[in-house]
Amino acid sequence: LLLNPDTQVRPGALKALVDFMDHHPEVGIAGSSFEEADGKPWPYAFRFPSIFSELDSALRLGVVSKLLSKWIVAKVMGNEEEQIDWLPGASMMIRRQVFESIGLMDEGYFLYFEETDFCLQARRAGWTCWYVPQSRVMHILGQSTGVTATNQAPKRLPQYWYDSRRRYFLKNHGWFYTALVDICWLSGYSFWRVRRVLQQKPDTDPPKMLQDTFRNSVFSKQGIPCQKLPSL
């Protein structure tokens, strides 16, 4: 069982995961449904990142989002169990045989993308990943790092976020695919920045996101990053 320190387990949440795994021996990973501190549901699970999801997240154009809807990473979940690509590691139950077949999570990640990568390795090894809404866990988003916190102004994304992103794509898809990912994101986000100014939309993005993404793209850095614990 993986459980974040900024979580509070609702009654019966862990039993729901255990019962689901017991009744579905082919399932390798099961994860919870999350709630915010005020009890508001946060019913999301995720698809694997791809060229299409990176283009959509950068471009932010409604017609494109509709065309690429089945590749958008975040997926709103219902009240039934459902197979999904990957789940947040804040509350995740993993079968022992999964570790035996693919090993532990990649220690080359410091934070972010480690559970995405792990679920992808499990998928490639033949295991499935399921969302179990009967398992309810309160999770204060961004409490551990402050990066994804929703109750404060956006902060500049830390270097380890960019390292994790580049490691995920290079490790799992190779240089050429990652180059296409970077091209799609950089061009899409540049278009969005121009459109935002012309339409006088508020700037809610982390500071220096365009510069930092280019600086950490495969066109600026070589090799797969392996992260160390950053100094405090």
Protein backbone atom coordinates (compact mmCIF):
# COMPACT_ATOMS: atom_id res chain seq x y z
CA LEU A 1 0.00 0.00 0.00
CA LEU A 2 1.25 3.48 -0.95
CA LEU A 3 -0.27 6.31 1.09
CA ASN A 4 0.77 9.97 1.13
CA PRO A 5 1.39 11.73 4.45
CA ASP A 6 -1.12 14.44 3.45
CA THR A 7 -4.04 12.01 3.27
CA GLN A 8 -6.79 10.93 5.62
CA VAL A 9 -8.32 7.51 5.03
CA ARG A 10 -12.11 7.39 5.24
CA PRO A 11 -13.70 4.41 7.05
CA GLY A 12 -13.65 1.29 4.91
CA ALA A 13 -11.34 2.75 2.27
CA LEU A 14 -8.52 0.24 2.64
CA LYS A 15 -10.92 -2.70 2.95
CA ALA A 16 -12.53 -1.66 -0.34
CA LEU A 17 -9.15 -1.90 -2.08
CA VAL A 18 -8.32 -5.26 -0.48
CA ASP A 19 -11.73 -6.71 -1.36
CA PHE A 20 -11.44 -5.53 -4.95
CA MET A 21 -7.97 -7.05 -5.35
CA ASP A 22 -9.13 -10.33 -3.76
CA HIS A 23 -12.02 -10.61 -6.22
CA HIS A 24 -9.91 -9.65 -9.28
CA PRO A 25 -6.61 -11.55 -9.22
CA GLU A 26 -5.71 -10.27 -12.69
CA VAL A 27 -5.58 -6.68 -11.39
CA GLY A 28 -2.13 -5.51 -10.38
CA ILE A 29 -2.87 -2.00 -9.11
CA ALA A 30 -5.96 -0.43 -7.53
CA GLY A 31 -6.40 3.15 -6.40
CA SER A 32 -8.78 5.29 -4.40
CA SER A 33 -11.20 8.09 -5.13
CA PHE A 34 -10.04 11.36 -3.58
CA GLU A 35 -11.79 14.15 -1.72
CA GLU A 36 -10.60 17.63 -0.80
CA ALA A 37 -10.43 18.76 2.81
CA ASP A 38 -13.98 20.15 2.67
CA GLY A 39 -15.34 16.84 1.38
CA LYS A 40 -15.64 18.00 -2.23
CA PRO A 41 -15.02 15.03 -4.57
CA TRP A 42 -11.89 14.95 -6.72
CA PRO A 43 -12.92 12.05 -9.00
CA TYR A 44 -9.97 11.83 -11.38
CA ALA A 45 -7.76 9.12 -12.80
CA PHE A 46 -5.42 9.43 -15.74
CA ARG A 47 -4.41 8.35 -19.23
CA PHE A 48 -0.75 8.02 -20.16
CA PRO A 49 0.87 11.24 -21.44
CA SER A 50 1.38 11.36 -25.21
CA ILE A 51 2.13 13.71 -28.09
CA PHE A 52 -1.58 14.46 -28.35
CA SER A 53 -2.08 15.18 -24.66
CA GLU A 54 0.96 17.49 -24.61
CA LEU A 55 -0.35 19.40 -27.64
CA ASP A 56 -3.79 19.77 -26.08
CA SER A 57 -2.50 20.90 -22.68
CA ALA A 58 -0.35 23.57 -24.32
CA LEU A 59 -2.72 24.79 -27.06
CA ARG A 60 -5.92 25.05 -24.96
CA LEU A 61 -8.22 25.37 -27.95
CA GLY A 62 -11.72 23.98 -27.55
CA VAL A 63 -12.07 22.44 -31.00
CA VAL A 64 -8.70 20.70 -30.66
CA SER A 65 -9.57 19.45 -27.17
CA LYS A 66 -12.74 17.87 -28.56
CA LEU A 67 -10.81 16.12 -31.32
CA LEU A 68 -8.17 14.88 -28.87
CA SER A 69 -10.55 14.12 -25.98
CA LYS A 70 -9.62 10.43 -25.73
CA TRP A 71 -5.96 11.38 -25.21
CA ILE A 72 -6.47 14.07 -22.55
CA VAL A 73 -4.55 12.89 -19.48
CA ALA A 74 -7.06 13.72 -16.73
CA LYS A 75 -10.28 11.71 -16.90
CA VAL A 76 -13.36 12.40 -14.78
CA MET A 77 -14.45 9.11 -13.23
CA GLY A 78 -17.90 7.87 -12.32
CA ASN A 79 -19.21 5.84 -9.41
CA GLU A 80 -18.25 2.44 -10.83
CA GLU A 81 -14.94 0.59 -10.85
CA GLU A 82 -13.10 1.26 -14.09
CA GLN A 83 -9.84 0.24 -15.72
CA ILE A 84 -7.56 3.20 -16.29
CA ASP A 85 -3.98 3.82 -17.44
CA TRP A 86 -2.59 5.16 -14.17
CA LEU A 87 -3.60 6.44 -10.75
CA PRO A 88 -2.14 8.90 -8.24
CA GLY A 89 0.32 7.25 -5.87
CA ALA A 90 -1.25 9.10 -2.93
CA SER A 91 -3.40 6.02 -2.26
CA MET A 92 -2.52 2.97 -4.29
CA MET A 93 -2.56 -0.77 -3.55
CA ILE A 94 -0.11 -2.90 -5.53
CA ARG A 95 -0.04 -6.66 -5.75
CA ARG A 96 3.24 -8.26 -4.63
CA GLN A 97 3.57 -10.11 -7.94
CA VAL A 98 3.74 -6.78 -9.75
CA PHE A 99 6.90 -5.87 -7.85
CA GLU A 100 8.28 -9.33 -8.55
CA SER A 101 7.73 -8.90 -12.29
CA ILE A 102 8.81 -5.28 -12.84
CA GLY A 103 10.67 -4.27 -9.67
CA LEU A 104 10.17 -1.21 -7.49
CA MET A 105 9.41 2.30 -8.68
CA ASP A 106 12.22 3.91 -10.66
CA GLU A 107 14.47 5.80 -8.22
CA GLY A 108 15.64 8.02 -11.08
CA TYR A 109 12.55 10.12 -10.41
CA PHE A 110 12.54 12.40 -7.38
CA LEU A 111 8.90 13.53 -7.60
CA TYR A 112 6.26 13.40 -10.35
CA PHE A 113 5.83 10.84 -13.12
CA GLU A 114 7.12 7.98 -10.95
CA GLU A 115 3.69 6.39 -10.56
CA THR A 116 2.90 7.09 -14.22
CA ASP A 117 6.06 5.25 -15.23
CA PHE A 118 5.38 2.41 -12.79
CA CYS A 119 1.84 1.86 -14.09
CA LEU A 120 3.15 1.86 -17.66
CA GLN A 121 5.74 -0.82 -16.82
CA ALA A 122 2.98 -2.84 -15.13
CA ARG A 123 0.77 -2.49 -18.22
CA ARG A 124 3.60 -3.68 -20.46
CA ALA A 125 4.07 -6.68 -18.16
CA GLY A 126 0.40 -7.63 -18.55
CA TRP A 127 -1.11 -6.13 -15.38
CA THR A 128 -4.17 -3.88 -15.25
CA CYS A 129 -4.80 -0.78 -13.16
CA TRP A 130 -8.24 0.01 -11.73
CA TYR A 131 -10.01 2.95 -10.11
CA VAL A 132 -12.07 1.90 -7.07
CA PRO A 133 -14.47 4.72 -6.04
CA GLN A 134 -15.69 2.85 -2.94
CA SER A 135 -12.26 3.57 -1.46
CA ARG A 136 -12.48 7.22 -0.38
CA VAL A 137 -9.42 9.14 0.79
CA MET A 138 -9.10 12.81 1.68
CA HIS A 139 -6.07 14.32 -0.02
CA ILE A 140 -4.95 17.95 0.24
CA LEU A 141 -3.64 18.57 -3.29
CA GLY A 142 -0.13 19.98 -3.43
CA GLN A 143 0.34 19.85 0.33
CA SER A 144 3.52 17.80 0.04
CA THR A 145 5.25 20.05 -2.49
CA GLY A 146 3.10 23.13 -3.07
CA VAL A 147 3.44 22.65 -6.84
CA THR A 148 -0.18 21.68 -7.53
CA ALA A 149 -1.83 23.53 -4.66
CA THR A 150 -5.06 25.19 -5.78
CA ASN A 151 -5.37 27.74 -2.98
CA GLN A 152 -2.37 29.91 -3.86
CA ALA A 153 -0.79 31.75 -6.80
CA PRO A 154 1.06 29.51 -9.28
CA LYS A 155 4.72 28.94 -8.48
CA ARG A 156 7.54 28.39 -10.92
CA LEU A 157 7.78 24.65 -11.54
CA PRO A 158 10.85 23.14 -9.87
CA GLN A 159 13.70 21.64 -11.85
CA TYR A 160 12.80 18.13 -10.73
CA TRP A 161 9.38 18.42 -12.43
CA TYR A 162 11.05 19.05 -15.79
CA ASP A 163 13.63 16.32 -15.16
CA SER A 164 10.84 13.84 -14.40
CA ARG A 165 8.91 14.77 -17.52
CA ARG A 166 11.96 14.39 -19.75
CA ARG A 167 12.95 11.13 -18.08
CA TYR A 168 9.47 9.66 -18.58
CA PHE A 169 9.30 10.37 -22.30
CA LEU A 170 12.92 9.49 -23.12
CA LYS A 171 12.89 6.28 -21.10
CA ASN A 172 9.59 4.99 -22.44
CA HIS A 173 9.39 6.41 -25.97
CA GLY A 174 12.88 7.36 -27.14
CA TRP A 175 14.50 10.54 -28.43
CA PHE A 176 12.52 11.03 -31.66
CA TYR A 177 9.12 10.72 -29.96
CA THR A 178 10.24 13.03 -27.15
CA ALA A 179 11.44 15.58 -29.70
CA LEU A 180 7.98 15.54 -31.30
CA VAL A 181 6.43 15.94 -27.83
CA ASP A 182 8.61 18.99 -27.16
CA ILE A 183 7.86 20.52 -30.57
CA CYS A 184 4.11 20.06 -30.09
CA TRP A 185 4.15 21.53 -26.60
CA LEU A 186 6.41 24.49 -27.38
CA SER A 187 4.55 25.46 -30.56
CA GLY A 188 1.13 24.96 -28.97
CA TYR A 189 2.03 26.93 -25.86
CA SER A 190 3.55 29.77 -27.92
CA PHE A 191 0.28 30.02 -29.86
CA TRP A 192 -1.66 30.04 -26.59
CA ARG A 193 0.47 32.86 -25.13
CA VAL A 194 -0.24 35.05 -28.17
CA ARG A 195 -3.96 34.24 -28.08
CA ARG A 196 -4.10 34.91 -24.33
CA VAL A 197 -2.72 38.43 -24.82
CA LEU A 198 -5.00 39.20 -27.79
CA GLN A 199 -8.07 37.95 -25.93
CA GLN A 200 -6.96 39.60 -22.67
CA LYS A 201 -7.23 36.38 -20.71
CA PRO A 202 -5.66 36.18 -17.23
CA ASP A 203 -2.23 34.60 -16.90
CA THR A 204 -2.65 31.66 -14.50
CA ASP A 205 0.40 29.65 -15.59
CA PRO A 206 3.55 29.04 -13.56
CA PRO A 207 6.18 31.75 -14.22
CA LYS A 208 8.75 31.18 -16.99
CA MET A 209 7.03 27.99 -18.16
CA LEU A 210 7.90 28.48 -21.85
CA GLN A 211 11.56 29.27 -21.19
CA ASP A 212 11.94 26.46 -18.67
CA THR A 213 10.32 23.87 -20.94
CA PHE A 214 12.61 24.81 -23.84
CA ARG A 215 15.64 24.81 -21.53
CA ASN A 216 14.73 21.26 -20.45
CA SER A 217 13.77 19.95 -23.89
CA VAL A 218 15.81 17.39 -25.83
CA PHE A 219 17.03 20.27 -28.00
CA SER A 220 18.79 21.86 -25.03
CA LYS A 221 19.77 18.86 -22.90
CA GLN A 222 21.02 15.41 -23.76
CA GLY A 223 20.54 12.07 -22.01
CA ILE A 224 17.99 10.71 -19.57
CA PRO A 225 18.12 12.66 -16.29
CA CYS A 226 18.61 10.74 -13.06
CA GLN A 227 17.59 12.88 -10.13
CA LYS A 228 19.12 13.19 -6.71
CA LEU A 229 17.42 14.48 -3.58
CA PRO A 230 17.49 18.29 -3.93
CA SER A 231 19.08 20.31 -1.17
CA LEU A 232 16.60 21.86 1.28
